[in-house]
Amino acid sequence: MTDLILRDLVKRYGDTEVLHSINLHVAAGEFIVLVGPSGCGKSTTLRMIAGLEEISDGVIEIGGNVVNNLEPKERNIAMVFQNYAIYPHMSVRRNIGFGLKTAKLSKAEKNARIDEVAGILGMTDLLERRPAQLSGGQRQRVAIGRAMVRDPAVFLFDEPLSNLDAQLRTQMRLEIKKLHNRVGRMMIFVTHDQVEAMTLADRIVIMKDGHIQQIGTPSEVYHNPANTFVAQFIGAPAMNLLAGEGTEGGVKLWNGTNVPLEGPGLAAGRPVTLGVRPEDLQSGPGEGGALSGVVTVAEPLGSETLIYVDVGGKEIVATAPGRTPPAAGDHIALNLSTTGLHLFDEASGVALT
């Protein structure tokens, strides 16, 4: 079985270090998503795994072998890029088969491999078409097929869905997830879209400024964020972060509201940040809740409505029922669910247990 290990991986451009001691162990067959804002180093990490970027320091192991100095074609990996990079003058069959150009297989064996991959991707009836006759999603499947036909140990995806419209993105996410379930190979997927990360990954690697912020399952990074960056990056809309200070039994918020917390008490007066996700704020009419204010915007989403509430000059996002939401201008009370509260150190942003 093929594991992938990144050990103290560093990337420098001149004197500027852009990746700082990246450590990651990916198990055979695992689906890992690297996610973060533009410039965080996720694509650079992927390109170093692929052999397309030189390693400044550290070690990359694939299947127990150090591959730092191996050419991309020697690493038994296949990469799918953001742009499809398929040849417009070739049929789908020839585009998929291009991945076998240097393989020492007979023509019959190559055609059998192409037919097998086309069957998996649901493209058997499209093999003789040209790319101009395909939809965007079908072209992306051709690019994936060209990677699959080589039967690599590791699949690398560099933002492959970013050029598709919203409906096709959703469809292709499902296709890639099904593909992973069928072939059972390791997949490493780069995206800046946290929805893609949450829906695709076995584990998510969240990056910022060349550092890994947290590694965990989608549930772990959503329900137990390691710091305020992860708390706000994962989840749409983002977690509300409320300034406060420690008290003997909980937190006193910036507006004077006391929020009781279970567990060890905080030092009195210690600056902290209380995090609460919109779905953990129960809304109701009036001004009797822990937080109260005026609805400034309501965004209907069908099953629920997002409401933006001005609480003492601070905008807080909550959810409300989709059928009977409050309207802009309504006075509303927000109650905190004690099971959905997160506590962070104010200075460092690190989660407090």
Foldseek 3Di string as FASTA:
>chain_A
DKKKWWAQFWDDDVPRTQAGGDTDIGDWLFEEEEAEDPSQCQVVVLCQLQQNDQTPDTFIDIRNHTCNPPHNVPNLEFEQEQDLPFDQVQFLLVRLLVLCPPPPDDPVVSSVLLCVLCVLLVNNVRRGPGPVPDDPLVSSSSSVSSRPSSVGQEYEYENNCPVDDPVSSVVVLVSVQVVSVVSSHHYYYYDHDLVSRLSRGCWYFYGGSNDTQDIGHSVCLAQPPFFQVSQCSHDVNGWDKFKFFWDQAQTQTPVRQGDGADDGGDDGGQIKIKTFHQAQKDKDADAPASFKFFWAAWAAPQQWIWTWGQTVNDTDIHIGGNPDDDHGGTIMHIHGDNSGMWMARPPPRGTDD
